[in-house]
C-alpha cells in the first residue's frame, strides 16, 4: 500500500486516510495527529460509530458531555450522533486511529455548539 498523504482537516487535526473507499462501505481507518496542547472542535458523526485507538501520547477525551483521560492502548467508542472532541495534553503529538463504521463520509460530519 502506498503511504497516504497527511492533510489538515477543519476539525483541527491532521489526517492520513489509510482505508476509506466505496469498495468497503462498512468501515474506514484513518491515522489522526493532534498537535501539542490543541483540541479538536466539538463535532458529531451522523449515523456513524467511531472508535479512537490511542497509539502515542495522552489526551482528554470528551464524549456526550463526559470527559476522561486516555493514553497508549486505550480504545474510546463513540456512538453515532454523539458530540465528541479530544485534547492533546502533552508537548508532543497525539497519534490515534479513527475507525468508523460505516466508513467516514464528509456529509456525515457536523460541528456542535460548545455548551
N, C-alpha and C. Protein backbone atom coordinates (compact mmCIF):
# COMPACT_ATOMS: atom_id res chain seq x y z
N UNK A 1 0.84 -1.19 0.00
CA UNK A 1 0.00 0.00 0.00
C UNK A 1 0.88 1.24 0.00
N UNK A 2 0.60 2.17 -0.87
CA UNK A 2 1.30 3.43 -0.88
C UNK A 2 0.90 4.24 0.35
N UNK A 3 1.85 4.96 0.92
CA UNK A 3 1.55 5.73 2.12
C UNK A 3 0.62 6.89 1.77
N UNK A 4 -0.44 7.04 2.57
CA UNK A 4 -1.39 8.12 2.37
C UNK A 4 -0.74 9.45 2.74
N UNK A 5 -1.15 10.50 2.07
CA UNK A 5 -0.63 11.82 2.38
C UNK A 5 -1.45 12.45 3.49
N UNK A 6 -0.77 13.02 4.45
CA UNK A 6 -1.42 13.69 5.56
C UNK A 6 -1.99 15.04 5.08
N UNK A 7 -3.19 15.37 5.56
CA UNK A 7 -3.78 16.67 5.25
C UNK A 7 -4.45 17.22 6.50
N UNK A 8 -4.58 18.55 6.53
CA UNK A 8 -5.24 19.20 7.65
C UNK A 8 -6.75 19.14 7.43
N UNK A 9 -7.47 18.76 8.49
CA UNK A 9 -8.93 18.69 8.43
C UNK A 9 -9.52 19.78 9.32
N UNK A 10 -10.61 20.37 8.89
CA UNK A 10 -11.23 21.52 9.56
C UNK A 10 -11.59 21.26 11.02
N UNK A 11 -11.61 20.02 11.43
CA UNK A 11 -11.89 19.65 12.82
C UNK A 11 -10.77 20.13 13.75
N UNK A 12 -9.58 20.36 13.19
CA UNK A 12 -8.45 20.82 13.98
C UNK A 12 -7.38 19.77 14.18
N UNK A 13 -7.23 18.87 13.20
CA UNK A 13 -6.25 17.80 13.29
C UNK A 13 -5.74 17.45 11.89
N UNK A 14 -4.74 16.58 11.86
CA UNK A 14 -4.16 16.13 10.60
C UNK A 14 -4.55 14.67 10.38
N UNK A 15 -4.93 14.34 9.15
CA UNK A 15 -5.48 13.03 8.82
C UNK A 15 -4.65 12.36 7.73
N UNK A 16 -4.43 11.05 7.89
CA UNK A 16 -3.97 10.18 6.81
C UNK A 16 -5.05 9.13 6.63
N UNK A 17 -5.67 9.10 5.47
CA UNK A 17 -6.70 8.09 5.18
C UNK A 17 -6.01 6.79 4.82
N UNK A 18 -6.04 5.83 5.72
CA UNK A 18 -5.41 4.53 5.46
C UNK A 18 -6.34 3.61 4.69
N UNK A 19 -7.64 3.72 4.97
CA UNK A 19 -8.61 2.84 4.30
C UNK A 19 -9.97 3.55 4.32
N UNK A 20 -10.40 4.03 3.18
CA UNK A 20 -11.70 4.67 3.06
C UNK A 20 -12.09 4.71 1.59
N UNK A 21 -12.90 3.72 1.17
CA UNK A 21 -13.32 3.70 -0.22
C UNK A 21 -14.67 3.02 -0.35
N UNK A 22 -15.32 3.24 -1.48
CA UNK A 22 -16.67 2.70 -1.67
C UNK A 22 -16.69 1.20 -1.93
N UNK A 23 -15.51 0.57 -2.06
CA UNK A 23 -15.45 -0.89 -2.18
C UNK A 23 -15.66 -1.56 -0.82
N UNK A 24 -15.48 -0.81 0.24
CA UNK A 24 -15.70 -1.31 1.60
C UNK A 24 -16.49 -0.24 2.37
N UNK A 25 -17.78 -0.12 2.10
CA UNK A 25 -18.58 0.94 2.73
C UNK A 25 -18.83 0.73 4.22
N UNK A 26 -18.43 -0.42 4.73
CA UNK A 26 -18.74 -0.76 6.12
C UNK A 26 -17.73 -0.22 7.13
N UNK A 27 -16.55 0.24 6.67
CA UNK A 27 -15.50 0.62 7.61
C UNK A 27 -14.49 1.56 6.96
N UNK A 28 -13.96 2.48 7.75
CA UNK A 28 -12.81 3.27 7.33
C UNK A 28 -11.82 3.35 8.48
N UNK A 29 -10.54 3.54 8.12
CA UNK A 29 -9.47 3.66 9.11
C UNK A 29 -8.61 4.85 8.72
N UNK A 30 -8.40 5.76 9.67
CA UNK A 30 -7.55 6.92 9.43
C UNK A 30 -6.58 7.07 10.60
N UNK A 31 -5.38 7.55 10.29
CA UNK A 31 -4.42 7.93 11.32
C UNK A 31 -4.63 9.41 11.57
N UNK A 32 -4.80 9.77 12.84
CA UNK A 32 -5.07 11.15 13.21
C UNK A 32 -3.92 11.68 14.07
N UNK A 33 -3.53 12.92 13.80
CA UNK A 33 -2.48 13.58 14.58
C UNK A 33 -3.00 14.92 15.09
N UNK A 34 -2.90 15.10 16.41
CA UNK A 34 -3.28 16.37 17.03
C UNK A 34 -2.02 16.97 17.64
N UNK A 35 -1.73 18.20 17.29
CA UNK A 35 -0.52 18.86 17.76
C UNK A 35 -0.57 19.14 19.26
N UNK A 36 0.61 19.38 19.88
CA UNK A 36 0.67 19.61 21.32
C UNK A 36 -0.31 20.70 21.79
N UNK A 37 -1.01 20.38 22.86
CA UNK A 37 -1.93 21.29 23.55
C UNK A 37 -3.07 21.81 22.68
N UNK A 38 -3.38 21.13 21.59
CA UNK A 38 -4.50 21.51 20.74
C UNK A 38 -5.71 20.62 21.03
N UNK A 39 -6.90 21.15 20.76
CA UNK A 39 -8.16 20.42 20.95
C UNK A 39 -8.94 20.46 19.66
N UNK A 40 -9.49 19.33 19.28
CA UNK A 40 -10.33 19.30 18.09
C UNK A 40 -11.65 20.01 18.38
N UNK A 41 -12.33 20.42 17.34
CA UNK A 41 -13.65 21.04 17.50
C UNK A 41 -14.66 20.00 17.98
N UNK A 42 -15.59 20.45 18.79
CA UNK A 42 -16.68 19.57 19.21
C UNK A 42 -17.51 19.25 17.96
N UNK A 43 -17.70 17.96 17.72
CA UNK A 43 -18.38 17.54 16.49
C UNK A 43 -19.08 16.21 16.72
N UNK A 44 -19.89 15.82 15.76
CA UNK A 44 -20.57 14.53 15.79
C UNK A 44 -20.58 13.96 14.38
N UNK A 45 -20.74 12.64 14.30
CA UNK A 45 -20.83 11.95 13.01
C UNK A 45 -22.20 11.30 12.90
N UNK A 46 -22.99 11.80 11.96
CA UNK A 46 -24.34 11.27 11.73
C UNK A 46 -24.28 9.82 11.26
N UNK A 47 -25.04 8.96 11.92
CA UNK A 47 -25.17 7.55 11.53
C UNK A 47 -23.84 6.81 11.46
N UNK A 48 -22.84 7.25 12.22
CA UNK A 48 -21.51 6.64 12.16
C UNK A 48 -20.96 6.43 13.56
N UNK A 49 -20.60 5.20 13.87
CA UNK A 49 -19.92 4.89 15.13
C UNK A 49 -18.42 5.04 14.89
N UNK A 50 -17.73 5.72 15.81
CA UNK A 50 -16.30 5.95 15.66
C UNK A 50 -15.57 5.38 16.87
N UNK A 51 -14.37 4.85 16.62
CA UNK A 51 -13.52 4.36 17.69
C UNK A 51 -12.18 5.05 17.57
N UNK A 52 -11.67 5.56 18.70
CA UNK A 52 -10.31 6.08 18.75
C UNK A 52 -9.44 4.99 19.39
N UNK A 53 -8.33 4.66 18.76
CA UNK A 53 -7.35 3.75 19.33
C UNK A 53 -6.07 4.57 19.53
N UNK A 54 -5.73 4.84 20.78
CA UNK A 54 -4.60 5.72 21.08
C UNK A 54 -3.29 4.97 20.85
N UNK A 55 -2.43 5.55 19.96
CA UNK A 55 -1.16 4.95 19.61
C UNK A 55 0.02 5.64 20.27
N UNK A 56 -0.05 6.97 20.45
CA UNK A 56 1.02 7.74 21.07
C UNK A 56 0.43 8.93 21.79
N UNK A 57 0.92 9.20 22.99
CA UNK A 57 0.52 10.39 23.73
C UNK A 57 -0.58 10.14 24.74
N UNK A 58 -0.98 11.23 25.37
CA UNK A 58 -2.07 11.24 26.34
C UNK A 58 -3.03 12.35 25.96
N UNK A 59 -4.30 12.15 26.29
CA UNK A 59 -5.31 13.12 25.89
C UNK A 59 -6.46 13.13 26.88
N UNK A 60 -7.22 14.20 26.80
CA UNK A 60 -8.51 14.27 27.48
C UNK A 60 -9.56 14.17 26.39
N UNK A 61 -10.40 13.16 26.48
CA UNK A 61 -11.45 12.95 25.50
C UNK A 61 -12.78 13.35 26.14
N UNK A 62 -13.64 13.96 25.35
CA UNK A 62 -14.99 14.32 25.79
C UNK A 62 -15.98 13.71 24.82
N UNK A 63 -16.89 12.92 25.38
CA UNK A 63 -17.91 12.24 24.58
C UNK A 63 -19.24 12.39 25.32
N UNK A 64 -20.23 12.95 24.63
CA UNK A 64 -21.54 13.08 25.24
C UNK A 64 -21.54 13.88 26.53
N UNK A 65 -20.66 14.87 26.64
CA UNK A 65 -20.60 15.72 27.82
C UNK A 65 -19.77 15.18 28.97
N UNK A 66 -19.22 13.97 28.85
CA UNK A 66 -18.38 13.39 29.89
C UNK A 66 -16.93 13.38 29.40
N UNK A 67 -15.99 13.71 30.30
CA UNK A 67 -14.58 13.78 29.94
C UNK A 67 -13.75 12.85 30.81
N UNK A 68 -12.69 12.29 30.20
CA UNK A 68 -11.75 11.47 30.95
C UNK A 68 -10.43 11.43 30.19
N UNK A 69 -9.37 10.98 30.87
CA UNK A 69 -8.05 10.91 30.28
C UNK A 69 -7.83 9.54 29.65
N UNK A 70 -7.14 9.55 28.51
CA UNK A 70 -6.79 8.32 27.80
C UNK A 70 -5.31 8.35 27.44
N UNK A 71 -4.76 7.16 27.20
CA UNK A 71 -3.36 7.04 26.81
C UNK A 71 -3.14 5.80 25.96
N UNK A 72 -1.89 5.45 25.76
CA UNK A 72 -1.47 4.36 24.90
C UNK A 72 -2.32 3.11 25.11
N UNK A 73 -2.89 2.61 24.01
CA UNK A 73 -3.66 1.37 24.05
C UNK A 73 -5.12 1.52 24.39
N UNK A 74 -5.53 2.69 24.84
CA UNK A 74 -6.96 2.89 25.17
C UNK A 74 -7.79 2.95 23.90
N UNK A 75 -9.01 2.45 24.00
CA UNK A 75 -9.98 2.50 22.91
C UNK A 75 -11.20 3.25 23.42
N UNK A 76 -11.62 4.26 22.67
CA UNK A 76 -12.80 5.05 23.00
C UNK A 76 -13.85 4.77 21.94
N UNK A 77 -15.04 4.34 22.37
CA UNK A 77 -16.13 4.07 21.44
C UNK A 77 -17.11 5.23 21.52
N UNK A 78 -17.41 5.80 20.36
CA UNK A 78 -18.28 6.97 20.28
C UNK A 78 -19.48 6.60 19.43
N UNK A 79 -20.64 6.59 20.05
CA UNK A 79 -21.86 6.23 19.33
C UNK A 79 -22.20 7.26 18.26
N UNK A 80 -22.95 6.85 17.27
CA UNK A 80 -23.40 7.76 16.21
C UNK A 80 -24.12 8.96 16.80
N UNK A 81 -23.90 10.11 16.21
CA UNK A 81 -24.57 11.37 16.57
C UNK A 81 -24.18 11.90 17.94
N UNK A 82 -23.12 11.37 18.56
CA UNK A 82 -22.70 11.82 19.88
C UNK A 82 -21.60 12.87 19.75
N UNK A 83 -21.76 13.99 20.46
CA UNK A 83 -20.77 15.07 20.43
C UNK A 83 -19.46 14.57 21.03
N UNK A 84 -18.34 14.95 20.39
CA UNK A 84 -17.03 14.46 20.79
C UNK A 84 -15.95 15.47 20.46
N UNK A 85 -14.88 15.41 21.26
CA UNK A 85 -13.66 16.16 20.96
C UNK A 85 -12.53 15.50 21.73
N UNK A 86 -11.29 15.80 21.32
CA UNK A 86 -10.13 15.25 22.01
C UNK A 86 -9.08 16.34 22.14
N UNK A 87 -8.47 16.41 23.32
CA UNK A 87 -7.47 17.43 23.64
C UNK A 87 -6.13 16.76 23.91
N UNK A 88 -5.12 17.16 23.17
CA UNK A 88 -3.76 16.68 23.42
C UNK A 88 -3.23 17.42 24.64
N UNK A 89 -2.84 16.69 25.69
CA UNK A 89 -2.42 17.32 26.93
C UNK A 89 -0.90 17.29 27.12
N UNK A 90 -0.16 16.88 26.09
CA UNK A 90 1.30 16.79 26.19
C UNK A 90 2.00 17.73 25.21
N UNK A 91 3.32 17.82 25.36
CA UNK A 91 4.16 18.65 24.50
C UNK A 91 4.59 17.92 23.23
N UNK A 92 4.04 16.74 22.99
CA UNK A 92 4.35 16.00 21.76
C UNK A 92 3.04 15.66 21.06
N UNK A 93 3.13 15.27 19.80
CA UNK A 93 1.92 14.95 19.03
C UNK A 93 1.15 13.79 19.65
N UNK A 94 -0.16 13.89 19.59
CA UNK A 94 -1.07 12.81 19.93
C UNK A 94 -1.37 12.08 18.62
N UNK A 95 -1.23 10.75 18.62
CA UNK A 95 -1.49 9.95 17.42
C UNK A 95 -2.51 8.87 17.79
N UNK A 96 -3.54 8.76 16.98
CA UNK A 96 -4.52 7.69 17.20
C UNK A 96 -5.15 7.27 15.88
N UNK A 97 -5.74 6.09 15.90
CA UNK A 97 -6.53 5.64 14.76
C UNK A 97 -7.98 6.03 15.00
N UNK A 98 -8.64 6.44 13.95
CA UNK A 98 -10.08 6.69 13.97
C UNK A 98 -10.71 5.65 13.04
N UNK A 99 -11.45 4.73 13.63
CA UNK A 99 -12.08 3.65 12.89
C UNK A 99 -13.58 3.89 12.88
N UNK A 100 -14.15 4.07 11.70
CA UNK A 100 -15.57 4.42 11.58
C UNK A 100 -16.35 3.29 10.92
N UNK A 101 -17.56 3.06 11.46
CA UNK A 101 -18.50 2.12 10.84
C UNK A 101 -19.88 2.76 10.80
N UNK A 102 -20.51 2.87 9.63
CA UNK A 102 -19.89 2.63 8.33
C UNK A 102 -18.77 3.63 8.09
N UNK A 103 -18.15 3.58 6.93
CA UNK A 103 -16.98 4.41 6.65
C UNK A 103 -17.29 5.90 6.80
N UNK A 104 -16.24 6.68 7.12
CA UNK A 104 -16.38 8.12 7.25
C UNK A 104 -16.74 8.73 5.90
N UNK A 105 -17.77 9.58 5.92
CA UNK A 105 -18.13 10.38 4.75
C UNK A 105 -18.34 11.80 5.23
N UNK A 106 -17.76 12.74 4.51
CA UNK A 106 -17.75 14.14 4.92
C UNK A 106 -19.15 14.68 5.20
N UNK A 107 -20.15 14.25 4.45
CA UNK A 107 -21.50 14.78 4.65
C UNK A 107 -22.10 14.36 6.00
N UNK A 108 -21.48 13.39 6.68
CA UNK A 108 -21.97 12.97 8.00
C UNK A 108 -21.31 13.75 9.14
N UNK A 109 -20.31 14.56 8.84
CA UNK A 109 -19.62 15.36 9.85
C UNK A 109 -20.40 16.64 10.10
N UNK A 110 -20.58 16.97 11.39
CA UNK A 110 -21.19 18.25 11.74
C UNK A 110 -20.55 18.79 13.00
N UNK A 111 -20.29 20.10 13.00
CA UNK A 111 -19.77 20.74 14.20
C UNK A 111 -20.92 20.98 15.17
N UNK A 112 -20.60 20.92 16.46
CA UNK A 112 -21.59 21.10 17.52
C UNK A 112 -21.26 22.37 18.29
N UNK A 113 -22.26 22.95 18.90
CA UNK A 113 -22.03 24.13 19.75
C UNK A 113 -21.45 23.69 21.07
N UNK A 114 -20.47 24.45 21.56
CA UNK A 114 -19.93 24.20 22.90
C UNK A 114 -20.94 24.68 23.92
N UNK A 115 -21.18 23.87 24.93
CA UNK A 115 -22.16 24.24 25.97
C UNK A 115 -21.52 25.07 27.05
